[in-house]
Amino acid sequence: MGLFDSTRVLVGIALIVVGTLLFVPGILPSSAQIFTYALVPAAALVTIGTWLVGTSEGSPAV
């Protein structure tokens, strides 16, 4: 079974990509306050995506 055969993995990868893209405006020096607030959901998306990818296989997550 390959890495991209599972829907859980694909959703996890998508969440990681979206979360990472949400980080970009918030880390710029001249970003508005609203982009700073976007860092919290961005961190949550990256965390959930990492959890989905890490627990997608039957073996224990490392």
C-alpha atoms as a PDB file:
ATOM      1  CA  MET A   1       0.000   0.000   0.000  1.00  0.00           C
ATOM      2  CA  GLY A   2       1.484   3.297  -1.073  1.00  0.00           C
ATOM      3  CA  LEU A   3       1.439   6.564   0.766  1.00  0.00           C
ATOM      4  CA  PHE A   4      -1.172   8.168  -1.492  1.00  0.00           C
ATOM      5  CA  ASP A   5      -3.598   5.211  -1.549  1.00  0.00           C
ATOM      6  CA  SER A   6      -5.441   6.305   1.581  1.00  0.00           C
ATOM      7  CA  THR A   7      -8.000   9.107   1.679  1.00  0.00           C
ATOM      8  CA  ARG A   8      -6.867   9.866   5.223  1.00  0.00           C
ATOM      9  CA  VAL A   9      -3.335  10.570   3.993  1.00  0.00           C
ATOM     10  CA  LEU A  10      -4.535  12.788   1.154  1.00  0.00           C
ATOM     11  CA  VAL A  11      -6.720  14.823   3.519  1.00  0.00           C
ATOM     12  CA  GLY A  12      -3.795  15.117   5.940  1.00  0.00           C
ATOM     13  CA  ILE A  13      -1.452  16.327   3.222  1.00  0.00           C
ATOM     14  CA  ALA A  14      -4.048  18.849   2.031  1.00  0.00           C
ATOM     15  CA  LEU A  15      -4.450  20.188   5.581  1.00  0.00           C
ATOM     16  CA  ILE A  16      -0.686  20.509   5.966  1.00  0.00           C
ATOM     17  CA  VAL A  17      -0.407  22.439   2.683  1.00  0.00           C
ATOM     18  CA  VAL A  18      -3.314  24.777   3.498  1.00  0.00           C
ATOM     19  CA  GLY A  19      -2.025  25.339   7.032  1.00  0.00           C
ATOM     20  CA  THR A  20       1.442  26.130   5.741  1.00  0.00           C
ATOM     21  CA  LEU A  21       0.053  28.622   3.224  1.00  0.00           C
ATOM     22  CA  LEU A  22      -1.900  30.325   6.021  1.00  0.00           C
ATOM     23  CA  PHE A  23       1.365  30.859   7.901  1.00  0.00           C
ATOM     24  CA  VAL A  24       2.950  32.916   5.109  1.00  0.00           C
ATOM     25  CA  PRO A  25       0.984  36.200   5.472  1.00  0.00           C
ATOM     26  CA  GLY A  26       1.228  36.101   9.260  1.00  0.00           C
ATOM     27  CA  ILE A  27       5.004  35.874   9.384  1.00  0.00           C
ATOM     28  CA  LEU A  28       5.671  38.824   7.091  1.00  0.00           C
ATOM     29  CA  PRO A  29       6.987  41.899   8.939  1.00  0.00           C
ATOM     30  CA  SER A  30       4.300  44.284   7.684  1.00  0.00           C
ATOM     31  CA  SER A  31       1.320  41.970   8.127  1.00  0.00           C
ATOM     32  CA  ALA A  32      -2.010  43.222   9.430  1.00  0.00           C
ATOM     33  CA  GLN A  33      -3.438  42.074  12.750  1.00  0.00           C
ATOM     34  CA  ILE A  34      -5.973  39.779  11.033  1.00  0.00           C
ATOM     35  CA  PHE A  35      -3.136  37.744   9.536  1.00  0.00           C
ATOM     36  CA  THR A  36      -1.638  37.335  12.983  1.00  0.00           C
ATOM     37  CA  TYR A  37      -4.929  35.824  14.123  1.00  0.00           C
ATOM     38  CA  ALA A  38      -4.734  33.400  11.181  1.00  0.00           C
ATOM     39  CA  LEU A  39      -1.677  31.766  12.770  1.00  0.00           C
ATOM     40  CA  VAL A  40      -3.839  29.890  15.299  1.00  0.00           C
ATOM     41  CA  PRO A  41      -6.004  28.030  12.749  1.00  0.00           C
ATOM     42  CA  ALA A  42      -2.907  27.524  10.596  1.00  0.00           C
ATOM     43  CA  ALA A  43      -1.141  25.771  13.460  1.00  0.00           C
ATOM     44  CA  ALA A  44      -4.254  23.686  14.122  1.00  0.00           C
ATOM     45  CA  LEU A  45      -4.488  22.598  10.470  1.00  0.00           C
ATOM     46  CA  VAL A  46      -0.824  21.606  10.342  1.00  0.00           C
ATOM     47  CA  THR A  47      -1.177  19.678  13.609  1.00  0.00           C
ATOM     48  CA  ILE A  48      -4.314  17.809  12.509  1.00  0.00           C
ATOM     49  CA  GLY A  49      -2.813  17.070   9.092  1.00  0.00           C
ATOM     50  CA  THR A  50       0.354  15.709  10.663  1.00  0.00           C
ATOM     51  CA  TRP A  51      -1.722  13.540  13.004  1.00  0.00           C
ATOM     52  CA  LEU A  52      -3.774  12.162  10.093  1.00  0.00           C
ATOM     53  CA  VAL A  53      -0.690  11.266   8.069  1.00  0.00           C
ATOM     54  CA  GLY A  54       1.157   9.884  11.091  1.00  0.00           C
ATOM     55  CA  THR A  55      -1.673   7.597  12.181  1.00  0.00           C
ATOM     56  CA  SER A  56      -2.756   6.416   8.737  1.00  0.00           C
ATOM     57  CA  GLU A  57      -0.900   3.110   8.874  1.00  0.00           C
ATOM     58  CA  GLY A  58      -1.631   0.140  11.105  1.00  0.00           C
ATOM     59  CA  SER A  59       1.708   0.301  12.880  1.00  0.00           C
ATOM     60  CA  PRO A  60       2.281   2.637  15.839  1.00  0.00           C
ATOM     61  CA  ALA A  61       3.078   6.231  14.965  1.00  0.00           C
ATOM     62  CA  VAL A  62       6.653   7.255  15.633  1.00  0.00           C
END
